């Protein structure tokens, strides 16, 4: 299975973001958990917005439309990965004092 560069970049940024937040300790544990819970609550909205984009209603070429649909799929897959990471983070937070 070939991983698309955009997918790899997004997953890497998401993983680094969680790792940075856990290791930087710029937030207290309750602040960090509240932040992660807000991210978790926002994911369904992001999914709805991404899936709600109808390429047929856009005045773009076939090639651009195809690219948009492919990016929608990648974004949806990435959000699924982020959701799983958030679920794990809520079960076992990595932030320590």
Protein backbone atom coordinates (compact mmCIF):
# COMPACT_ATOMS: atom_id res chain seq x y z
CA UNK A 1 0.00 0.00 0.00
CA UNK A 2 1.46 3.32 -1.06
CA UNK A 3 1.00 6.19 1.39
CA UNK A 4 0.22 9.53 -0.18
CA UNK A 5 2.56 12.37 0.86
CA UNK A 6 -0.34 14.51 2.08
CA UNK A 7 -1.60 11.70 4.28
CA UNK A 8 1.84 11.06 5.72
CA UNK A 9 2.32 14.78 6.38
CA UNK A 10 -1.05 15.15 8.11
CA UNK A 11 -0.59 12.06 10.30
CA UNK A 12 2.92 13.17 11.19
CA UNK A 13 1.78 16.66 12.12
CA UNK A 14 -1.10 15.27 14.17
CA UNK A 15 1.19 12.84 16.00
CA UNK A 16 3.79 15.53 16.61
CA UNK A 17 1.10 17.88 17.85
CA UNK A 18 -0.08 15.40 20.45
CA UNK A 19 3.48 14.52 21.33
CA UNK A 20 4.49 18.17 21.64
CA UNK A 21 1.48 18.94 23.79
CA UNK A 22 2.30 15.98 26.01
CA UNK A 23 6.00 16.77 26.31
CA UNK A 24 6.00 20.57 26.37
CA UNK A 25 4.05 20.74 29.62
CA UNK A 26 2.83 24.23 28.87
CA UNK A 27 -0.64 23.20 30.09
CA UNK A 28 -1.71 21.69 33.34
CA UNK A 29 -3.11 18.17 33.14
CA UNK A 30 -6.75 19.38 33.41
CA UNK A 31 -6.12 22.05 30.74
CA UNK A 32 -4.54 19.48 28.45
CA UNK A 33 -7.40 17.00 28.86
CA UNK A 34 -9.94 19.78 28.23
CA UNK A 35 -8.03 20.70 25.06
CA UNK A 36 -8.00 17.09 23.84
CA UNK A 37 -11.73 16.75 24.61
CA UNK A 38 -12.45 19.91 22.57
CA UNK A 39 -10.53 18.41 19.64
CA UNK A 40 -12.53 15.22 20.03
CA UNK A 41 -15.79 17.16 20.03
CA UNK A 42 -14.80 19.08 16.88
CA UNK A 43 -13.99 16.05 14.73
CA UNK A 44 -17.62 15.30 13.75
CA UNK A 45 -17.96 18.92 12.55
CA UNK A 46 -14.81 18.63 10.44
CA UNK A 47 -16.03 15.31 9.01
CA UNK A 48 -19.40 16.84 8.16
CA UNK A 49 -17.79 19.82 6.43
CA UNK A 50 -15.41 17.65 4.42
CA UNK A 51 -18.10 15.17 3.37
CA UNK A 52 -20.54 18.00 2.65
CA UNK A 53 -18.37 19.48 -0.08
CA UNK A 54 -20.10 18.54 -3.33
CA UNK A 55 -17.67 18.72 -6.23
CA UNK A 56 -20.52 18.58 -8.76
CA UNK A 57 -21.67 22.01 -7.57
CA UNK A 58 -18.25 23.56 -8.07
CA UNK A 59 -17.21 25.06 -11.36
CA UNK A 60 -13.91 23.23 -11.68
CA UNK A 61 -12.37 21.00 -14.31
CA UNK A 62 -12.71 17.24 -14.09
CA UNK A 63 -9.06 16.92 -13.04
CA UNK A 64 -9.45 19.44 -10.22
CA UNK A 65 -12.71 17.83 -9.11
CA UNK A 66 -11.07 14.42 -9.04
CA UNK A 67 -8.22 15.82 -6.96
CA UNK A 68 -10.70 17.39 -4.51
CA UNK A 69 -12.52 14.07 -4.10
CA UNK A 70 -9.21 12.28 -3.49
CA UNK A 71 -8.23 14.87 -0.88
CA UNK A 72 -11.63 14.50 0.78
CA UNK A 73 -10.94 10.79 1.15
CA UNK A 74 -7.46 11.41 2.57
CA UNK A 75 -8.79 14.03 5.00
CA UNK A 76 -11.52 11.65 6.18
CA UNK A 77 -8.98 8.87 6.72
CA UNK A 78 -6.69 11.27 8.60
CA UNK A 79 -9.52 12.39 10.85
CA UNK A 80 -10.20 8.74 11.65
CA UNK A 81 -6.54 8.35 12.70
CA UNK A 82 -6.70 11.53 14.78
CA UNK A 83 -9.92 10.29 16.43
CA UNK A 84 -8.23 7.00 17.38
CA UNK A 85 -5.21 8.88 18.78
CA UNK A 86 -7.45 11.17 20.80
CA UNK A 87 -9.37 8.18 22.17
CA UNK A 88 -6.09 6.61 23.28
CA UNK A 89 -4.92 9.90 24.75
CA UNK A 90 -8.13 10.24 26.77
CA UNK A 91 -7.77 6.69 28.06
CA UNK A 92 -4.13 7.14 29.00
CA UNK A 93 -2.87 10.74 28.95
CA UNK A 94 0.84 11.13 28.30
CA UNK A 95 1.15 14.47 30.07
CA UNK A 96 3.06 14.26 33.32
CA UNK A 97 4.30 16.83 35.78
